[in-house]
Structure formats: structure tokens, C-alpha cells
Amino acid sequence: MAYCSIEAAKDAGVTGDDAVVTAWITAAQEAIERYTQQVFEPTDLVVVADVGADGLVILPRRVRTVTSVMPVLEPDDGASVPSSAYRVTSSAVLGQVDAVHLAWGGYDDLVAGAESYNGGWLGLWERWGAEQVKVVGEFGYEEPPLLVQHGCALLAADLQAKAQPSDADAEQDPSLQVDDEGNNVAIETDAPSETPVGAASSTGSTQVDALLAGYLNRGPSLIGGV
């Protein structure tokens, strides 16, 4: 699912055939996700978050479903806890937050270490000494909000415009390859850096930044996709 349609991107000023326009939409989506630290379509992810007071784990993305919760231990992660050991809330419900609520007060006599006579779930977590949990599930919005759709189209056009070299630039730098419409179609560079990309301070467009301000999430970082 794209954050905006090809037609919307073209209306915003993106030029080229559908494949070219789609590529600029994809680039815009990646910039939006780096800036907001959100995903705006259902996405399977693995995230790590801190265990706060009373077992509250604030999740760094809008949560849809959770399939696994496990303590982060050294050198290996602990076993997943059953769904009876936690409760999930989502910001998709008005008044709720994206979180896993660990059931400190509960117990399960069928789970080794979490029996009622062993201190229940609280006793088990205390013995683990885990300060973080790894959560596996589906995150993201059901579909991109209208402001995100509009921002994606505008940003795709902005990125393409900034990537179009002038004729003088093309003459001075033979590594730039320009098509008939003036699009920069290839740039020869050194090997890409292996340094992970963190949250971006801007999408590169102040107009788009303003549209997306209400969707910024500066919580814990994403660990990986599943």
C-alpha cells in the first residue's frame, strides 16, 4: 500500500511514467517514516521497549495486535510469556495509549516460575530482572491519514525537483545521467555507509514537516521487520 496514489503525486508535480512516479512515492514514504518514526499501513515489526512502573510498557508504534512478548535478557532473550500475562491497549481507541500492561498481580500455576506460591508473574519478572521486553506484532495505521497522503505527494514532488540537476551541473559532473525530462536517473557514489539511519530531524520539506507534526513519535527505536 502506497501512502499516496500515482495520480495524487502527479497532481503535486511529479513527472515521468508510472514506474518513475512510484519510485519517488517510495522515497517519500521512507523519508516520512524516518521523520515521524511511525508506519502508516499495517506492518509486522519487532520492537523493544522499557518496562516502566507497575509493568507498563509504552510501545513506540501504533499497535494493532501482539503475538509475542518476551523479556530481553543477556545473552539470549527469555521465553515468550502467554497472553494471560499481559494486556494490550492501542491508540486506535480514543483515550488509550499504545502499550503492553504486564500482569504483575496475576499468576498461572501451569507456568513454571509464575505459580501462585512462587509470587506469580511479578515474582517471575523479578527473578528475570528484565528491564526491557521484546514485542512481536502488527503495528501501524489501518490506512494513511489524509495529511500523510497529502504530505507524501508533496514530498515526492519536492524530492524529484531537488534531484534534477541543471544542464550546467550535468556537464560538470559526468556521473550524472539525465533523461529527456531532466530527471537524474543514476548517480555514481562510493559504497554506502553501514551506519544505521536514526530518526530524521526533517523530511527535507518544511511544508511537509508541518503537515506531519501531529504524527511525530520520538519513542524507543524500531528493532526490525519480521
C-alpha atoms as a PDB file:
ATOM      1  CA  MET A   1       0.000   0.000   0.000  1.00  0.00           C
ATOM      2  CA  ALA A   2       1.407   3.360  -1.003  1.00  0.00           C
ATOM      3  CA  TYR A   3       0.936   6.424   1.169  1.00  0.00           C
ATOM      4  CA  CYS A   4      -0.459   8.300  -1.814  1.00  0.00           C
ATOM      5  CA  SER A   5      -1.701   7.442  -5.288  1.00  0.00           C
ATOM      6  CA  ILE A   6       0.235   7.908  -8.506  1.00  0.00           C
ATOM      7  CA  GLU A   7      -2.418  10.400  -9.607  1.00  0.00           C
ATOM      8  CA  ALA A   8      -2.004  12.462  -6.420  1.00  0.00           C
ATOM      9  CA  ALA A   9       1.772  12.539  -6.842  1.00  0.00           C
ATOM     10  CA  LYS A  10       1.428  13.669 -10.458  1.00  0.00           C
ATOM     11  CA  ASP A  11      -1.052  16.360  -9.414  1.00  0.00           C
ATOM     12  CA  ALA A  12       1.562  17.552  -6.892  1.00  0.00           C
ATOM     13  CA  GLY A  13       4.126  17.877  -9.669  1.00  0.00           C
ATOM     14  CA  VAL A  14       5.919  14.520 -10.031  1.00  0.00           C
ATOM     15  CA  THR A  15       6.731  13.798 -13.684  1.00  0.00           C
ATOM     16  CA  GLY A  16       7.552  10.598 -15.565  1.00  0.00           C
ATOM     17  CA  ASP A  17       5.872   7.289 -16.241  1.00  0.00           C
ATOM     18  CA  ASP A  18       4.142   5.288 -13.511  1.00  0.00           C
ATOM     19  CA  ALA A  19       7.322   3.417 -12.558  1.00  0.00           C
ATOM     20  CA  VAL A  20       9.227   6.683 -12.053  1.00  0.00           C
ATOM     21  CA  VAL A  21       6.400   8.234 -10.048  1.00  0.00           C
ATOM     22  CA  THR A  22       6.125   5.103  -7.880  1.00  0.00           C
ATOM     23  CA  ALA A  23       9.848   5.270  -7.124  1.00  0.00           C
ATOM     24  CA  TRP A  24       9.531   8.858  -5.894  1.00  0.00           C
ATOM     25  CA  ILE A  25       6.492   7.924  -3.787  1.00  0.00           C
ATOM     26  CA  THR A  26       8.550   5.141  -2.189  1.00  0.00           C
ATOM     27  CA  ALA A  27      11.379   7.585  -1.447  1.00  0.00           C
ATOM     28  CA  ALA A  28       8.883   9.984   0.118  1.00  0.00           C
ATOM     29  CA  GLN A  29       7.395   7.220   2.276  1.00  0.00           C
ATOM     30  CA  GLU A  30      10.827   6.275   3.597  1.00  0.00           C
ATOM     31  CA  ALA A  31      11.546   9.905   4.475  1.00  0.00           C
ATOM     32  CA  ILE A  32       8.171  10.227   6.217  1.00  0.00           C
ATOM     33  CA  GLU A  33       8.802   7.097   8.300  1.00  0.00           C
ATOM     34  CA  ARG A  34      12.288   8.283   9.312  1.00  0.00           C
ATOM     35  CA  TYR A  35      10.866  11.657  10.338  1.00  0.00           C
ATOM     36  CA  THR A  36       7.717  10.534  12.171  1.00  0.00           C
ATOM     37  CA  GLN A  37       9.070   7.202  13.456  1.00  0.00           C
ATOM     38  CA  GLN A  38       5.671   5.775  12.534  1.00  0.00           C
ATOM     39  CA  VAL A  39       4.325   3.412   9.895  1.00  0.00           C
ATOM     40  CA  PHE A  40       1.048   4.281   8.221  1.00  0.00           C
ATOM     41  CA  GLU A  41      -0.021   0.864   6.990  1.00  0.00           C
ATOM     42  CA  PRO A  42      -0.321  -2.490   8.811  1.00  0.00           C
ATOM     43  CA  THR A  43       3.260  -3.757   9.218  1.00  0.00           C
ATOM     44  CA  ASP A  44       4.765  -6.753  11.039  1.00  0.00           C
ATOM     45  CA  LEU A  45       7.512  -5.486  13.337  1.00  0.00           C
ATOM     46  CA  VAL A  46       9.688  -6.418  16.275  1.00  0.00           C
ATOM     47  CA  VAL A  47      10.184  -3.643  18.821  1.00  0.00           C
ATOM     48  CA  VAL A  48      11.999  -3.363  22.126  1.00  0.00           C
ATOM     49  CA  ALA A  49      10.679  -1.127  24.899  1.00  0.00           C
ATOM     50  CA  ASP A  50      11.446  -0.393  28.556  1.00  0.00           C
ATOM     51  CA  VAL A  51       9.429  -1.877  31.395  1.00  0.00           C
ATOM     52  CA  GLY A  52       8.139   1.066  33.393  1.00  0.00           C
ATOM     53  CA  ALA A  53       6.408   1.479  36.731  1.00  0.00           C
ATOM     54  CA  ASP A  54       3.703  -1.078  37.515  1.00  0.00           C
ATOM     55  CA  GLY A  55       4.704  -3.143  34.486  1.00  0.00           C
ATOM     56  CA  LEU A  56       3.662  -0.532  31.918  1.00  0.00           C
ATOM     57  CA  VAL A  57       5.480  -0.926  28.577  1.00  0.00           C
ATOM     58  CA  ILE A  58       4.908   2.042  26.255  1.00  0.00           C
ATOM     59  CA  LEU A  59       5.207   0.863  22.654  1.00  0.00           C
ATOM     60  CA  PRO A  60       6.946   3.025  20.016  1.00  0.00           C
ATOM     61  CA  ARG A  61       4.380   2.486  17.249  1.00  0.00           C
ATOM     62  CA  ARG A  62       0.591   2.330  16.962  1.00  0.00           C
ATOM     63  CA  VAL A  63      -0.084  -1.285  17.918  1.00  0.00           C
ATOM     64  CA  ARG A  64      -2.694  -3.420  16.172  1.00  0.00           C
ATOM     65  CA  THR A  65      -2.060  -6.922  17.502  1.00  0.00           C
ATOM     66  CA  VAL A  66       0.634  -8.530  19.657  1.00  0.00           C
ATOM     67  CA  THR A  67       1.681 -12.123  19.025  1.00  0.00           C
ATOM     68  CA  SER A  68       4.651 -12.463  21.381  1.00  0.00           C
ATOM     69  CA  VAL A  69       6.120 -10.748  24.446  1.00  0.00           C
ATOM     70  CA  MET A  70       9.444 -11.868  25.874  1.00  0.00           C
ATOM     71  CA  PRO A  71      11.939 -10.435  28.370  1.00  0.00           C
ATOM     72  CA  VAL A  72      15.199  -9.105  26.963  1.00  0.00           C
ATOM     73  CA  LEU A  73      17.928 -10.997  28.793  1.00  0.00           C
ATOM     74  CA  GLU A  74      21.658 -11.474  28.318  1.00  0.00           C
ATOM     75  CA  PRO A  75      22.967 -13.286  26.389  1.00  0.00           C
ATOM     76  CA  ASP A  76      19.665 -14.588  24.988  1.00  0.00           C
ATOM     77  CA  ASP A  77      16.057 -13.479  25.130  1.00  0.00           C
ATOM     78  CA  GLY A  78      13.784 -15.269  27.558  1.00  0.00           C
ATOM     79  CA  ALA A  79      10.864 -17.427  26.559  1.00  0.00           C
ATOM     80  CA  SER A  80       7.651 -15.769  25.387  1.00  0.00           C
ATOM     81  CA  VAL A  81       5.064 -15.292  28.104  1.00  0.00           C
ATOM     82  CA  PRO A  82       1.467 -16.404  27.489  1.00  0.00           C
ATOM     83  CA  SER A  83      -1.164 -13.839  26.535  1.00  0.00           C
ATOM     84  CA  SER A  84      -2.687 -14.164  30.020  1.00  0.00           C
ATOM     85  CA  ALA A  85       0.468 -12.459  31.359  1.00  0.00           C
ATOM     86  CA  TYR A  86      -0.220  -9.118  29.697  1.00  0.00           C
ATOM     87  CA  ARG A  87      -2.896  -6.788  28.345  1.00  0.00           C
ATOM     88  CA  VAL A  88      -2.574  -4.703  25.172  1.00  0.00           C
ATOM     89  CA  THR A  89      -4.029  -1.223  24.581  1.00  0.00           C
ATOM     90  CA  SER A  90      -3.895   0.793  21.354  1.00  0.00           C
ATOM     91  CA  SER A  91      -4.115   4.487  20.496  1.00  0.00           C
ATOM     92  CA  ALA A  92      -6.539   3.417  17.761  1.00  0.00           C
ATOM     93  CA  VAL A  93      -9.076   3.532  20.617  1.00  0.00           C
ATOM     94  CA  LEU A  94      -9.773   7.092  21.764  1.00  0.00           C
ATOM     95  CA  GLY A  95      -8.255   7.711  25.191  1.00  0.00           C
ATOM     96  CA  GLN A  96      -5.895   4.715  25.095  1.00  0.00           C
ATOM     97  CA  VAL A  97      -2.139   4.547  24.609  1.00  0.00           C
ATOM     98  CA  ASP A  98      -0.038   2.049  22.690  1.00  0.00           C
ATOM     99  CA  ALA A  99       1.185  -0.206  25.454  1.00  0.00           C
ATOM    100  CA  VAL A 100       1.602  -3.672  26.900  1.00  0.00           C
ATOM    101  CA  HIS A 101       0.490  -3.876  30.526  1.00  0.00           C
ATOM    102  CA  LEU A 102       2.299  -6.706  32.270  1.00  0.00           C
ATOM    103  CA  ALA A 103       0.044  -8.547  34.717  1.00  0.00           C
ATOM    104  CA  TRP A 104       2.103  -8.054  37.842  1.00  0.00           C
ATOM    105  CA  GLY A 105      -0.688  -9.212  40.133  1.00  0.00           C
ATOM    106  CA  GLY A 106      -1.671 -12.376  38.290  1.00  0.00           C
ATOM    107  CA  TYR A 107      -0.360 -15.918  38.342  1.00  0.00           C
ATOM    108  CA  ASP A 108      -0.555 -19.158  36.396  1.00  0.00           C
ATOM    109  CA  ASP A 109       0.003 -22.416  38.225  1.00  0.00           C
ATOM    110  CA  LEU A 110       0.654 -24.132  34.892  1.00  0.00           C
ATOM    111  CA  VAL A 111       3.654 -21.920  34.074  1.00  0.00           C
ATOM    112  CA  ALA A 112       6.915 -22.771  35.826  1.00  0.00           C
ATOM    113  CA  GLY A 113       8.017 -19.805  37.917  1.00  0.00           C
ATOM    114  CA  ALA A 114       4.704 -17.951  37.694  1.00  0.00           C
ATOM    115  CA  GLU A 115       2.761 -20.133  40.153  1.00  0.00           C
ATOM    116  CA  SER A 116       0.693 -18.503  42.882  1.00  0.00           C
ATOM    117  CA  TYR A 117       3.016 -19.915  45.562  1.00  0.00           C
ATOM    118  CA  ASN A 118       6.044 -18.586  43.655  1.00  0.00           C
ATOM    119  CA  GLY A 119       4.971 -14.957  43.541  1.00  0.00           C
ATOM    120  CA  GLY A 120       3.031 -15.178  40.281  1.00  0.00           C
ATOM    121  CA  TRP A 121       4.029 -13.090  37.287  1.00  0.00           C
ATOM    122  CA  LEU A 122       5.601 -10.429  39.490  1.00  0.00           C
ATOM    123  CA  GLY A 123       7.895 -12.991  41.106  1.00  0.00           C
ATOM    124  CA  LEU A 124       8.867 -14.392  37.725  1.00  0.00           C
ATOM    125  CA  TRP A 125       9.706 -10.976  36.265  1.00  0.00           C
ATOM    126  CA  GLU A 126      11.686 -10.041  39.373  1.00  0.00           C
ATOM    127  CA  ARG A 127      13.741 -13.236  39.074  1.00  0.00           C
ATOM    128  CA  TRP A 128      14.389 -12.490  35.420  1.00  0.00           C
ATOM    129  CA  GLY A 129      15.475  -8.959  36.259  1.00  0.00           C
ATOM    130  CA  ALA A 130      14.498  -7.851  32.744  1.00  0.00           C
ATOM    131  CA  GLU A 131      14.322  -4.087  32.253  1.00  0.00           C
ATOM    132  CA  GLN A 132      13.080  -4.388  28.667  1.00  0.00           C
ATOM    133  CA  VAL A 133      10.747  -6.592  26.675  1.00  0.00           C
ATOM    134  CA  LYS A 134      10.737  -7.554  23.018  1.00  0.00           C
ATOM    135  CA  VAL A 135       7.291  -7.317  21.433  1.00  0.00           C
ATOM    136  CA  VAL A 136       6.376  -9.026  18.166  1.00  0.00           C
ATOM    137  CA  GLY A 137       3.189  -7.989  16.411  1.00  0.00           C
ATOM    138  CA  GLU A 138       1.450  -5.911  13.797  1.00  0.00           C
ATOM    139  CA  PHE A 139       1.824  -2.146  14.046  1.00  0.00           C
ATOM    140  CA  GLY A 140       0.724   0.885  12.044  1.00  0.00           C
ATOM    141  CA  TYR A 141      -2.395   2.684  10.907  1.00  0.00           C
ATOM    142  CA  GLU A 142      -5.216   0.959   9.049  1.00  0.00           C
ATOM    143  CA  GLU A 143      -4.572   3.394   6.185  1.00  0.00           C
ATOM    144  CA  PRO A 144      -2.565   6.617   5.792  1.00  0.00           C
ATOM    145  CA  PRO A 145      -4.368   9.673   7.245  1.00  0.00           C
ATOM    146  CA  LEU A 146      -5.279  12.394   4.750  1.00  0.00           C
ATOM    147  CA  LEU A 147      -2.475  14.696   5.915  1.00  0.00           C
ATOM    148  CA  VAL A 148       0.048  11.890   5.426  1.00  0.00           C
ATOM    149  CA  GLN A 149      -1.313  11.177   1.951  1.00  0.00           C
ATOM    150  CA  HIS A 150      -1.067  14.848   1.005  1.00  0.00           C
ATOM    151  CA  GLY A 151       2.380  15.160   2.552  1.00  0.00           C
ATOM    152  CA  CYS A 152       3.624  12.091   0.673  1.00  0.00           C
ATOM    153  CA  ALA A 153       2.526  13.517  -2.688  1.00  0.00           C
ATOM    154  CA  LEU A 154       4.111  16.907  -1.970  1.00  0.00           C
ATOM    155  CA  LEU A 155       7.322  15.341  -0.707  1.00  0.00           C
ATOM    156  CA  ALA A 156       7.628  13.051  -3.749  1.00  0.00           C
ATOM    157  CA  ALA A 157       7.445  16.117  -5.982  1.00  0.00           C
ATOM    158  CA  ASP A 158       9.907  18.021  -3.783  1.00  0.00           C
ATOM    159  CA  LEU A 159      12.441  15.161  -3.778  1.00  0.00           C
ATOM    160  CA  GLN A 160      12.255  14.796  -7.544  1.00  0.00           C
ATOM    161  CA  ALA A 161      12.669  18.532  -8.092  1.00  0.00           C
ATOM    162  CA  LYS A 162      15.742  18.647  -5.843  1.00  0.00           C
ATOM    163  CA  ALA A 163      17.265  15.655  -7.661  1.00  0.00           C
ATOM    164  CA  GLN A 164      17.028  17.262 -11.106  1.00  0.00           C
ATOM    165  CA  PRO A 165      20.429  18.738 -11.988  1.00  0.00           C
ATOM    166  CA  SER A 166      20.747  21.748 -14.228  1.00  0.00           C
ATOM    167  CA  ASP A 167      22.371  21.362 -17.627  1.00  0.00           C
ATOM    168  CA  ALA A 168      25.474  23.043 -16.213  1.00  0.00           C
ATOM    169  CA  ASP A 169      25.622  20.519 -13.341  1.00  0.00           C
ATOM    170  CA  ALA A 170      25.360  17.630 -15.776  1.00  0.00           C
ATOM    171  CA  GLU A 171      28.201  18.979 -17.896  1.00  0.00           C
ATOM    172  CA  GLN A 172      30.453  19.473 -14.873  1.00  0.00           C
ATOM    173  CA  ASP A 173      29.713  16.059 -13.320  1.00  0.00           C
ATOM    174  CA  PRO A 174      29.777  13.192 -15.850  1.00  0.00           C
ATOM    175  CA  SER A 175      28.472  10.763 -13.180  1.00  0.00           C
ATOM    176  CA  LEU A 176      25.048  12.413 -13.503  1.00  0.00           C
ATOM    177  CA  GLN A 177      22.832  10.740 -16.071  1.00  0.00           C
ATOM    178  CA  VAL A 178      19.804  12.781 -17.109  1.00  0.00           C
ATOM    179  CA  ASP A 179      16.799  11.564 -19.102  1.00  0.00           C
ATOM    180  CA  ASP A 180      14.824  13.586 -21.650  1.00  0.00           C
ATOM    181  CA  GLU A 181      12.708  15.148 -18.882  1.00  0.00           C
ATOM    182  CA  GLY A 182      15.731  16.257 -16.868  1.00  0.00           C
ATOM    183  CA  ASN A 183      15.431  13.551 -14.197  1.00  0.00           C
ATOM    184  CA  ASN A 184      18.639  12.384 -12.579  1.00  0.00           C
ATOM    185  CA  VAL A 185      18.459   8.629 -13.236  1.00  0.00           C
ATOM    186  CA  ALA A 186      21.830   7.456 -11.945  1.00  0.00           C
ATOM    187  CA  ILE A 187      24.449   8.766  -9.542  1.00  0.00           C
ATOM    188  CA  GLU A 188      27.772   7.008  -9.059  1.00  0.00           C
ATOM    189  CA  THR A 189      28.866   7.215  -5.431  1.00  0.00           C
ATOM    190  CA  ASP A 190      31.197   5.473  -3.025  1.00  0.00           C
ATOM    191  CA  ALA A 191      29.988   2.380  -1.181  1.00  0.00           C
ATOM    192  CA  PRO A 192      27.071   3.173   1.142  1.00  0.00           C
ATOM    193  CA  SER A 193      27.721   3.654   4.832  1.00  0.00           C
ATOM    194  CA  GLU A 194      26.835   0.777   7.136  1.00  0.00           C
ATOM    195  CA  THR A 195      25.871   3.203   9.898  1.00  0.00           C
ATOM    196  CA  PRO A 196      22.202   2.680  10.896  1.00  0.00           C
ATOM    197  CA  VAL A 197      19.843   5.515   9.998  1.00  0.00           C
ATOM    198  CA  GLY A 198      18.093   7.007  13.024  1.00  0.00           C
ATOM    199  CA  ALA A 199      15.198   9.415  13.313  1.00  0.00           C
ATOM    200  CA  ALA A 200      15.448  12.316  10.880  1.00  0.00           C
ATOM    201  CA  SER A 201      15.007  15.893  12.096  1.00  0.00           C
ATOM    202  CA  SER A 202      13.122  16.783   8.910  1.00  0.00           C
ATOM    203  CA  THR A 203      11.653  15.232   5.791  1.00  0.00           C
ATOM    204  CA  GLY A 204      13.589  17.823   3.826  1.00  0.00           C
ATOM    205  CA  SER A 205      10.479  19.942   3.270  1.00  0.00           C
ATOM    206  CA  THR A 206       9.317  22.399   5.926  1.00  0.00           C
ATOM    207  CA  GLN A 207       5.826  22.318   4.396  1.00  0.00           C
ATOM    208  CA  VAL A 208       5.599  18.545   4.760  1.00  0.00           C
ATOM    209  CA  ASP A 209       7.146  18.698   8.244  1.00  0.00           C
ATOM    210  CA  ALA A 210       4.285  20.967   9.302  1.00  0.00           C
ATOM    211  CA  LEU A 211       1.670  18.597   7.862  1.00  0.00           C
ATOM    212  CA  LEU A 212       3.171  15.647   9.745  1.00  0.00           C
ATOM    213  CA  ALA A 213       3.812  17.393  13.081  1.00  0.00           C
ATOM    214  CA  GLY A 214       0.844  15.697  14.718  1.00  0.00           C
ATOM    215  CA  TYR A 215       2.191  12.235  13.900  1.00  0.00           C
ATOM    216  CA  LEU A 216       5.692  12.555  15.351  1.00  0.00           C
ATOM    217  CA  ASN A 217       6.757   9.697  17.587  1.00  0.00           C
ATOM    218  CA  ARG A 218      10.068  10.016  19.374  1.00  0.00           C
ATOM    219  CA  GLY A 219       9.748   6.859  21.452  1.00  0.00           C
ATOM    220  CA  PRO A 220      12.055   3.800  21.556  1.00  0.00           C
ATOM    221  CA  SER A 221      13.556   2.688  18.275  1.00  0.00           C
ATOM    222  CA  LEU A 222      12.422   0.033  15.887  1.00  0.00           C
ATOM    223  CA  ILE A 223      14.450  -3.158  16.034  1.00  0.00           C
ATOM    224  CA  GLY A 224      13.457  -4.849  12.795  1.00  0.00           C
ATOM    225  CA  GLY A 225      10.807  -6.181  10.470  1.00  0.00           C
ATOM    226  CA  VAL A 226       9.536  -9.731  10.630  1.00  0.00           C
END
